[in-house]
Amino acid sequence: MILVTSDSVPGYKIVKTIGLVRGSCIKAKHLGRDIAAGLKGMIGGELKGYSELLDEARETAIERLILDAEKKGANAVITIRLSTSSVMAGAAEMLAYGTAVVVEEEKP
């Protein structure tokens, strides 16, 4: 699966536009990360537990985006965007979305 944030894939032409595809993941922080974040918040620095949490959520959302695109017959997703939002106290959603397309390699 080709994934790009641009509206085209260099070296390929879009032969079919399928439409919107998405993948999302809601992750909640756990007590261990919360305690570590509280301590880190007092002294400053990166909250590695939360960074790891967001990395995991991002990867899961992208995997689900790919599954949605494959299910619809795409071989590429263009204009990919990522968004996050708070769902409730201590939980956030990571959303990956884009346009599923079928591309073919351009011949010189």
N, C-alpha and C. Protein backbone atom coordinates (compact mmCIF):
# COMPACT_ATOMS: atom_id res chain seq x y z
N MET A 1 0.85 -1.18 0.00
CA MET A 1 0.00 0.00 0.00
C MET A 1 0.90 1.24 0.00
N ILE A 2 0.64 2.14 -0.93
CA ILE A 2 1.37 3.40 -0.99
C ILE A 2 0.60 4.42 -0.16
N LEU A 3 1.30 5.09 0.75
CA LEU A 3 0.69 6.09 1.61
C LEU A 3 1.43 7.40 1.44
N VAL A 4 0.71 8.48 1.11
CA VAL A 4 1.34 9.79 0.95
C VAL A 4 0.45 10.88 1.53
N THR A 5 1.07 11.96 1.95
CA THR A 5 0.32 13.11 2.44
C THR A 5 0.00 14.09 1.32
N SER A 6 0.60 13.89 0.16
CA SER A 6 0.36 14.76 -0.99
C SER A 6 -0.89 14.32 -1.75
N ASP A 7 -1.27 15.10 -2.77
CA ASP A 7 -2.47 14.74 -3.53
C ASP A 7 -2.16 13.93 -4.79
N SER A 8 -0.92 13.48 -4.90
CA SER A 8 -0.52 12.61 -6.00
C SER A 8 0.66 11.76 -5.55
N VAL A 9 0.96 10.73 -6.35
CA VAL A 9 2.08 9.85 -6.05
C VAL A 9 3.09 10.00 -7.19
N PRO A 10 4.27 10.55 -6.92
CA PRO A 10 5.25 10.74 -7.98
C PRO A 10 5.54 9.42 -8.72
N GLY A 11 5.51 9.50 -10.07
CA GLY A 11 5.78 8.32 -10.88
C GLY A 11 4.57 7.44 -11.13
N TYR A 12 3.42 7.82 -10.59
CA TYR A 12 2.19 7.04 -10.75
C TYR A 12 1.07 7.96 -11.21
N LYS A 13 0.11 7.39 -11.91
CA LYS A 13 -1.09 8.16 -12.26
C LYS A 13 -2.29 7.52 -11.56
N ILE A 14 -3.20 8.37 -11.14
CA ILE A 14 -4.41 7.90 -10.48
C ILE A 14 -5.39 7.48 -11.57
N VAL A 15 -5.79 6.20 -11.53
CA VAL A 15 -6.73 5.70 -12.54
C VAL A 15 -8.14 5.55 -11.98
N LYS A 16 -8.27 5.58 -10.67
CA LYS A 16 -9.59 5.48 -10.06
C LYS A 16 -9.54 6.09 -8.66
N THR A 17 -10.52 6.93 -8.36
CA THR A 17 -10.66 7.47 -7.01
C THR A 17 -11.79 6.71 -6.33
N ILE A 18 -11.47 6.11 -5.19
CA ILE A 18 -12.45 5.31 -4.47
C ILE A 18 -13.19 6.16 -3.43
N GLY A 19 -12.45 6.98 -2.71
CA GLY A 19 -13.08 7.86 -1.73
C GLY A 19 -12.44 7.78 -0.36
N LEU A 20 -13.13 8.34 0.59
CA LEU A 20 -12.63 8.47 1.96
C LEU A 20 -12.38 7.11 2.62
N VAL A 21 -11.23 7.00 3.26
CA VAL A 21 -10.93 5.85 4.11
C VAL A 21 -10.41 6.39 5.43
N ARG A 22 -10.58 5.60 6.46
CA ARG A 22 -10.16 6.08 7.78
C ARG A 22 -9.80 4.91 8.69
N GLY A 23 -9.10 5.26 9.72
CA GLY A 23 -8.78 4.31 10.78
C GLY A 23 -8.66 5.11 12.06
N SER A 24 -9.17 4.58 13.14
CA SER A 24 -9.08 5.31 14.40
C SER A 24 -8.74 4.36 15.54
N CYS A 25 -8.26 4.96 16.61
CA CYS A 25 -7.89 4.20 17.79
C CYS A 25 -8.07 5.11 19.00
N ILE A 26 -8.73 4.60 20.01
CA ILE A 26 -8.87 5.36 21.25
C ILE A 26 -8.01 4.67 22.30
N LYS A 27 -7.12 5.44 22.88
CA LYS A 27 -6.23 4.92 23.92
C LYS A 27 -6.45 5.70 25.21
N ALA A 28 -6.35 4.99 26.31
CA ALA A 28 -6.47 5.62 27.62
C ALA A 28 -5.15 5.46 28.36
N LYS A 29 -4.81 6.47 29.10
CA LYS A 29 -3.60 6.38 29.92
C LYS A 29 -3.86 5.46 31.10
N HIS A 30 -2.80 4.88 31.62
CA HIS A 30 -2.98 4.02 32.80
C HIS A 30 -2.24 4.62 33.98
N LEU A 31 -2.50 4.10 35.12
CA LEU A 31 -2.00 4.68 36.37
C LEU A 31 -0.49 4.85 36.38
N GLY A 32 0.25 3.86 35.90
CA GLY A 32 1.71 3.97 35.89
C GLY A 32 2.19 5.14 35.07
N ARG A 33 1.61 5.32 33.88
CA ARG A 33 1.99 6.46 33.03
C ARG A 33 1.57 7.77 33.68
N ASP A 34 0.40 7.77 34.32
CA ASP A 34 -0.12 8.98 34.96
C ASP A 34 0.79 9.44 36.10
N ILE A 35 1.24 8.51 36.92
CA ILE A 35 2.14 8.85 38.04
C ILE A 35 3.46 9.39 37.50
N ALA A 36 4.01 8.70 36.51
CA ALA A 36 5.29 9.15 35.92
C ALA A 36 5.13 10.52 35.28
N ALA A 37 4.01 10.76 34.61
CA ALA A 37 3.77 12.06 33.97
C ALA A 37 3.65 13.16 35.02
N GLY A 38 3.00 12.85 36.13
CA GLY A 38 2.87 13.83 37.20
C GLY A 38 4.21 14.22 37.77
N LEU A 39 5.07 13.24 37.98
CA LEU A 39 6.41 13.52 38.49
C LEU A 39 7.23 14.31 37.48
N LYS A 40 7.16 13.91 36.21
CA LYS A 40 7.90 14.59 35.16
C LYS A 40 7.40 16.02 34.99
N GLY A 41 6.09 16.21 35.18
CA GLY A 41 5.50 17.55 35.07
C GLY A 41 6.06 18.51 36.09
N MET A 42 6.48 17.99 37.24
CA MET A 42 7.06 18.84 38.29
C MET A 42 8.47 19.29 37.95
N ILE A 43 9.22 18.44 37.25
CA ILE A 43 10.62 18.78 36.98
C ILE A 43 10.87 19.15 35.51
N GLY A 44 9.89 18.92 34.66
CA GLY A 44 10.03 19.26 33.25
C GLY A 44 10.62 18.12 32.44
N GLY A 45 10.47 18.20 31.14
CA GLY A 45 11.01 17.19 30.25
C GLY A 45 9.92 16.46 29.49
N GLU A 46 10.35 15.57 28.60
CA GLU A 46 9.42 14.82 27.77
C GLU A 46 8.65 13.80 28.61
N LEU A 47 7.38 13.69 28.34
CA LEU A 47 6.54 12.68 28.99
C LEU A 47 6.57 11.44 28.10
N LYS A 48 7.60 10.63 28.27
CA LYS A 48 7.83 9.50 27.37
C LYS A 48 6.68 8.50 27.36
N GLY A 49 6.05 8.30 28.49
CA GLY A 49 4.91 7.38 28.55
C GLY A 49 3.79 7.83 27.63
N TYR A 50 3.52 9.14 27.61
CA TYR A 50 2.48 9.67 26.73
C TYR A 50 2.93 9.67 25.28
N SER A 51 4.20 9.94 25.03
CA SER A 51 4.72 9.88 23.66
C SER A 51 4.57 8.47 23.10
N GLU A 52 4.88 7.47 23.91
CA GLU A 52 4.73 6.08 23.48
C GLU A 52 3.26 5.75 23.24
N LEU A 53 2.39 6.24 24.10
CA LEU A 53 0.95 6.02 23.96
C LEU A 53 0.45 6.58 22.63
N LEU A 54 0.87 7.81 22.30
CA LEU A 54 0.45 8.42 21.04
C LEU A 54 1.05 7.70 19.84
N ASP A 55 2.31 7.25 19.95
CA ASP A 55 2.94 6.48 18.87
C ASP A 55 2.15 5.20 18.60
N GLU A 56 1.78 4.50 19.66
CA GLU A 56 1.00 3.26 19.52
C GLU A 56 -0.35 3.54 18.86
N ALA A 57 -1.02 4.59 19.31
CA ALA A 57 -2.33 4.94 18.75
C ALA A 57 -2.20 5.34 17.28
N ARG A 58 -1.15 6.07 16.94
CA ARG A 58 -0.93 6.49 15.55
C ARG A 58 -0.71 5.28 14.65
N GLU A 59 0.13 4.36 15.08
CA GLU A 59 0.39 3.16 14.28
C GLU A 59 -0.87 2.32 14.09
N THR A 60 -1.65 2.17 15.15
CA THR A 60 -2.90 1.40 15.06
C THR A 60 -3.87 2.08 14.11
N ALA A 61 -4.01 3.40 14.20
CA ALA A 61 -4.92 4.13 13.31
C ALA A 61 -4.49 3.98 11.85
N ILE A 62 -3.19 4.05 11.57
CA ILE A 62 -2.70 3.90 10.20
C ILE A 62 -2.93 2.47 9.70
N GLU A 63 -2.70 1.48 10.55
CA GLU A 63 -2.96 0.08 10.16
C GLU A 63 -4.44 -0.10 9.80
N ARG A 64 -5.32 0.51 10.56
CA ARG A 64 -6.75 0.39 10.29
C ARG A 64 -7.16 1.16 9.03
N LEU A 65 -6.49 2.26 8.76
CA LEU A 65 -6.69 3.00 7.51
C LEU A 65 -6.33 2.12 6.32
N ILE A 66 -5.20 1.44 6.41
CA ILE A 66 -4.76 0.55 5.33
C ILE A 66 -5.76 -0.58 5.12
N LEU A 67 -6.25 -1.18 6.21
CA LEU A 67 -7.25 -2.25 6.09
C LEU A 67 -8.52 -1.76 5.39
N ASP A 68 -8.95 -0.56 5.74
CA ASP A 68 -10.15 0.01 5.12
C ASP A 68 -9.91 0.23 3.62
N ALA A 69 -8.73 0.74 3.27
CA ALA A 69 -8.40 0.98 1.86
C ALA A 69 -8.31 -0.32 1.08
N GLU A 70 -7.68 -1.33 1.66
CA GLU A 70 -7.56 -2.63 0.98
C GLU A 70 -8.95 -3.25 0.77
N LYS A 71 -9.79 -3.14 1.77
CA LYS A 71 -11.14 -3.70 1.68
C LYS A 71 -11.94 -3.05 0.54
N LYS A 72 -11.64 -1.80 0.25
CA LYS A 72 -12.34 -1.07 -0.80
C LYS A 72 -11.66 -1.19 -2.17
N GLY A 73 -10.54 -1.93 -2.23
CA GLY A 73 -9.88 -2.18 -3.50
C GLY A 73 -8.81 -1.18 -3.91
N ALA A 74 -8.34 -0.38 -2.99
CA ALA A 74 -7.30 0.61 -3.29
C ALA A 74 -5.91 0.00 -3.19
N ASN A 75 -4.97 0.63 -3.90
CA ASN A 75 -3.57 0.25 -3.73
C ASN A 75 -2.73 1.44 -3.25
N ALA A 76 -3.43 2.56 -2.98
CA ALA A 76 -2.74 3.74 -2.44
C ALA A 76 -3.75 4.61 -1.70
N VAL A 77 -3.22 5.42 -0.78
CA VAL A 77 -4.03 6.41 -0.09
C VAL A 77 -3.28 7.72 -0.18
N ILE A 78 -3.96 8.74 -0.72
CA ILE A 78 -3.35 10.06 -0.85
C ILE A 78 -3.97 11.02 0.16
N THR A 79 -3.37 12.18 0.30
CA THR A 79 -3.81 13.25 1.22
C THR A 79 -4.08 12.74 2.63
N ILE A 80 -3.20 11.90 3.13
CA ILE A 80 -3.38 11.35 4.49
C ILE A 80 -3.18 12.46 5.52
N ARG A 81 -4.07 12.46 6.49
CA ARG A 81 -3.99 13.40 7.60
C ARG A 81 -4.18 12.62 8.89
N LEU A 82 -3.61 13.17 9.96
CA LEU A 82 -3.77 12.60 11.30
C LEU A 82 -4.38 13.66 12.19
N SER A 83 -5.27 13.23 13.06
CA SER A 83 -5.93 14.14 13.98
C SER A 83 -6.09 13.45 15.32
N THR A 84 -6.04 14.22 16.37
CA THR A 84 -6.27 13.66 17.69
C THR A 84 -7.27 14.53 18.43
N SER A 85 -8.04 13.90 19.28
CA SER A 85 -9.00 14.64 20.08
C SER A 85 -9.21 13.93 21.41
N SER A 86 -9.58 14.70 22.39
CA SER A 86 -9.86 14.14 23.71
C SER A 86 -11.28 13.58 23.70
N VAL A 87 -11.42 12.33 24.11
CA VAL A 87 -12.72 11.68 24.13
C VAL A 87 -13.36 11.86 25.51
N MET A 88 -12.54 11.71 26.53
CA MET A 88 -12.97 11.89 27.91
C MET A 88 -11.70 12.11 28.73
N ALA A 89 -11.84 12.39 29.98
CA ALA A 89 -10.66 12.59 30.83
C ALA A 89 -9.78 11.35 30.79
N GLY A 90 -8.55 11.53 30.35
CA GLY A 90 -7.61 10.41 30.34
C GLY A 90 -7.65 9.53 29.11
N ALA A 91 -8.45 9.89 28.09
CA ALA A 91 -8.52 9.08 26.87
C ALA A 91 -8.54 10.00 25.65
N ALA A 92 -7.84 9.57 24.61
CA ALA A 92 -7.77 10.36 23.38
C ALA A 92 -7.95 9.45 22.17
N GLU A 93 -8.51 10.03 21.11
CA GLU A 93 -8.68 9.31 19.86
C GLU A 93 -7.63 9.80 18.87
N MET A 94 -7.02 8.88 18.16
CA MET A 94 -6.13 9.20 17.04
C MET A 94 -6.87 8.77 15.79
N LEU A 95 -7.03 9.68 14.85
CA LEU A 95 -7.75 9.41 13.61
C LEU A 95 -6.80 9.62 12.44
N ALA A 96 -6.74 8.63 11.56
CA ALA A 96 -5.99 8.73 10.30
C ALA A 96 -7.02 8.66 9.18
N TYR A 97 -6.94 9.60 8.23
CA TYR A 97 -7.89 9.58 7.13
C TYR A 97 -7.24 10.07 5.85
N GLY A 98 -7.81 9.69 4.73
CA GLY A 98 -7.28 10.09 3.44
C GLY A 98 -8.20 9.63 2.33
N THR A 99 -7.72 9.76 1.09
CA THR A 99 -8.49 9.37 -0.08
C THR A 99 -7.90 8.11 -0.69
N ALA A 100 -8.71 7.07 -0.76
CA ALA A 100 -8.28 5.80 -1.35
C ALA A 100 -8.34 5.93 -2.86
N VAL A 101 -7.27 5.45 -3.52
CA VAL A 101 -7.20 5.51 -4.98
C VAL A 101 -6.55 4.24 -5.51
N VAL A 102 -6.70 4.05 -6.81
CA VAL A 102 -5.97 3.02 -7.51
C VAL A 102 -4.99 3.76 -8.41
N VAL A 103 -3.71 3.40 -8.29
CA VAL A 103 -2.68 4.05 -9.11
C VAL A 103 -1.98 3.02 -9.98
N GLU A 104 -1.44 3.50 -11.09
CA GLU A 104 -0.63 2.68 -11.98
C GLU A 104 0.66 3.43 -12.23
N GLU A 105 1.74 2.67 -12.35
CA GLU A 105 3.03 3.27 -12.63
C GLU A 105 3.00 3.93 -14.01
N GLU A 106 3.51 5.16 -14.07
CA GLU A 106 3.56 5.86 -15.35
C GLU A 106 4.65 5.28 -16.21
N LYS A 107 4.35 5.14 -17.47
CA LYS A 107 5.35 4.63 -18.42
C LYS A 107 6.05 5.81 -19.06
N PRO A 108 7.39 5.72 -19.20
CA PRO A 108 8.13 6.86 -19.78
C PRO A 108 7.83 7.09 -21.25
